[in-house]
C-alpha atoms as a PDB file:
ATOM      1  CA  MET A   1      54.419 123.183  33.869  1.00  0.00           C
ATOM      2  CA  SER A   2      54.652 124.375  30.324  1.00  0.00           C
ATOM      3  CA  GLU A   3      57.950 124.696  28.441  1.00  0.00           C
ATOM      4  CA  ARG A   4      59.366 128.124  28.144  1.00  0.00           C
ATOM      5  CA  ARG A   5      59.381 129.234  24.506  1.00  0.00           C
ATOM      6  CA  ASN A   6      59.821 132.997  24.739  1.00  0.00           C
ATOM      7  CA  TRP A   7      62.099 134.884  22.356  1.00  0.00           C
ATOM      8  CA  HIS A   8      65.273 136.595  23.485  1.00  0.00           C
ATOM      9  CA  LEU A   9      66.177 140.105  22.348  1.00  0.00           C
ATOM     10  CA  GLY A  10      69.797 140.334  23.555  1.00  0.00           C
ATOM     11  CA  ASP A  11      69.621 139.454  27.250  1.00  0.00           C
ATOM     12  CA  GLN A  12      65.944 140.413  27.385  1.00  0.00           C
ATOM     13  CA  VAL A  13      63.208 137.788  27.087  1.00  0.00           C
ATOM     14  CA  VAL A  14      60.237 138.820  25.016  1.00  0.00           C
ATOM     15  CA  ILE A  15      56.764 137.341  25.515  1.00  0.00           C
ATOM     16  CA  ARG A  16      55.303 137.276  21.979  1.00  0.00           C
ATOM     17  CA  ASN A  17      51.688 136.260  22.498  1.00  0.00           C
ATOM     18  CA  ASP A  18      48.990 135.424  25.025  1.00  0.00           C
ATOM     19  CA  GLU A  19      49.912 131.735  25.059  1.00  0.00           C
ATOM     20  CA  GLU A  20      53.440 132.618  26.199  1.00  0.00           C
ATOM     21  CA  LEU A  21      51.987 135.055  28.652  1.00  0.00           C
ATOM     22  CA  ALA A  22      49.862 132.262  30.208  1.00  0.00           C
ATOM     23  CA  GLY A  23      52.935 129.995  30.376  1.00  0.00           C
ATOM     24  CA  THR A  24      54.965 132.696  32.085  1.00  0.00           C
ATOM     25  CA  GLN A  25      52.163 133.306  34.580  1.00  0.00           C
ATOM     26  CA  GLU A  26      52.049 129.516  35.292  1.00  0.00           C
ATOM     27  CA  ARG A  27      55.777 129.529  35.994  1.00  0.00           C
ATOM     28  CA  ILE A  28      55.423 132.544  38.328  1.00  0.00           C
ATOM     29  CA  ALA A  29      52.737 130.727  40.267  1.00  0.00           C
ATOM     30  CA  TYR A  30      54.838 127.591  40.453  1.00  0.00           C
ATOM     31  CA  TYR A  31      57.888 129.478  41.736  1.00  0.00           C
ATOM     32  CA  LEU A  32      55.782 131.380  44.315  1.00  0.00           C
ATOM     33  CA  GLU A  33      54.474 128.021  45.600  1.00  0.00           C
ATOM     34  CA  LEU A  34      58.050 126.728  45.845  1.00  0.00           C
ATOM     35  CA  LEU A  35      59.018 129.815  47.809  1.00  0.00           C
ATOM     36  CA  LYS A  36      56.040 129.227  50.153  1.00  0.00           C
ATOM     37  CA  GLN A  37      57.185 125.626  50.720  1.00  0.00           C
ATOM     38  CA  LEU A  38      60.800 126.625  51.207  1.00  0.00           C
ATOM     39  CA  CYS A  39      59.772 129.214  53.777  1.00  0.00           C
ATOM     40  CA  MET A  40      58.025 126.501  55.795  1.00  0.00           C
ATOM     41  CA  THR A  41      60.787 123.886  55.480  1.00  0.00           C
ATOM     42  CA  SER A  42      64.118 125.788  55.403  1.00  0.00           C
ATOM     43  CA  ARG A  43      66.068 126.887  58.395  1.00  0.00           C
ATOM     44  CA  PRO A  44      65.646 130.636  59.031  1.00  0.00           C
ATOM     45  CA  ALA A  45      69.381 131.287  58.505  1.00  0.00           C
ATOM     46  CA  GLU A  46      69.397 129.374  55.157  1.00  0.00           C
ATOM     47  CA  PHE A  47      66.145 130.660  53.732  1.00  0.00           C
ATOM     48  CA  PRO A  48      67.457 133.899  52.208  1.00  0.00           C
ATOM     49  CA  LEU A  49      70.162 132.044  50.389  1.00  0.00           C
ATOM     50  CA  VAL A  50      67.835 129.313  49.157  1.00  0.00           C
ATOM     51  CA  ALA A  51      65.065 131.793  48.146  1.00  0.00           C
ATOM     52  CA  SER A  52      67.139 134.405  46.433  1.00  0.00           C
ATOM     53  CA  GLY A  53      67.454 132.667  43.069  1.00  0.00           C
ATOM     54  CA  TYR A  54      63.733 131.910  42.945  1.00  0.00           C
ATOM     55  CA  ARG A  55      62.918 135.487  43.950  1.00  0.00           C
ATOM     56  CA  ALA A  56      65.145 136.880  41.213  1.00  0.00           C
ATOM     57  CA  GLU A  57      63.493 134.665  38.595  1.00  0.00           C
ATOM     58  CA  VAL A  58      60.008 135.662  39.765  1.00  0.00           C
ATOM     59  CA  GLU A  59      60.965 139.329  39.551  1.00  0.00           C
ATOM     60  CA  LYS A  60      62.398 138.848  36.045  1.00  0.00           C
ATOM     61  CA  MET A  61      59.253 137.078  34.866  1.00  0.00           C
ATOM     62  CA  HIS A  62      57.035 139.753  36.422  1.00  0.00           C
ATOM     63  CA  ARG A  63      58.929 142.412  34.427  1.00  0.00           C
ATOM     64  CA  GLU A  64      58.459 140.314  31.234  1.00  0.00           C
ATOM     65  CA  VAL A  65      54.689 140.086  31.890  1.00  0.00           C
ATOM     66  CA  LEU A  66      54.421 143.843  32.594  1.00  0.00           C
ATOM     67  CA  ASP A  67      56.450 144.628  29.480  1.00  0.00           C
ATOM     68  CA  TYR A  68      54.108 142.499  27.373  1.00  0.00           C
ATOM     69  CA  LEU A  69      50.893 143.845  28.945  1.00  0.00           C
ATOM     70  CA  THR A  70      52.004 147.469  28.568  1.00  0.00           C
ATOM     71  CA  THR A  71      53.042 147.083  24.864  1.00  0.00           C
ATOM     72  CA  HIS A  72      50.339 148.305  22.472  1.00  0.00           C
ATOM     73  CA  GLY A  73      48.708 145.449  20.555  1.00  0.00           C
ATOM     74  CA  ALA A  74      49.837 146.803  17.179  1.00  0.00           C
ATOM     75  CA  THR A  75      53.464 146.094  18.145  1.00  0.00           C
ATOM     76  CA  ALA A  76      52.937 142.570  19.343  1.00  0.00           C
ATOM     77  CA  THR A  77      51.670 139.541  17.508  1.00  0.00           C
ATOM     78  CA  ALA A  78      48.586 137.574  18.539  1.00  0.00           C
ATOM     79  CA  LYS A  79      47.827 139.878  21.495  1.00  0.00           C
ATOM     80  CA  ALA A  80      44.414 139.977  22.953  1.00  0.00           C
ATOM     81  CA  CYS A  81      44.307 143.722  23.858  1.00  0.00           C
END
């Protein structure tokens, strides 16, 4: 899994280019796979507690990806669109 190198703007993480976008998408896929495994191996009563942190991180990264993808290319550096 690639190292996270995104910039922070206050508390908000900013994906600056397509390379960081790809890294963030890799991390999302990795966390989703972890959630899948946890769902199969955790006790039903424990799963919500175990999964909540991973879910929050996936949701945060999804917002970062959507923010990047919905920003016009003129306002972002090294953007493909």
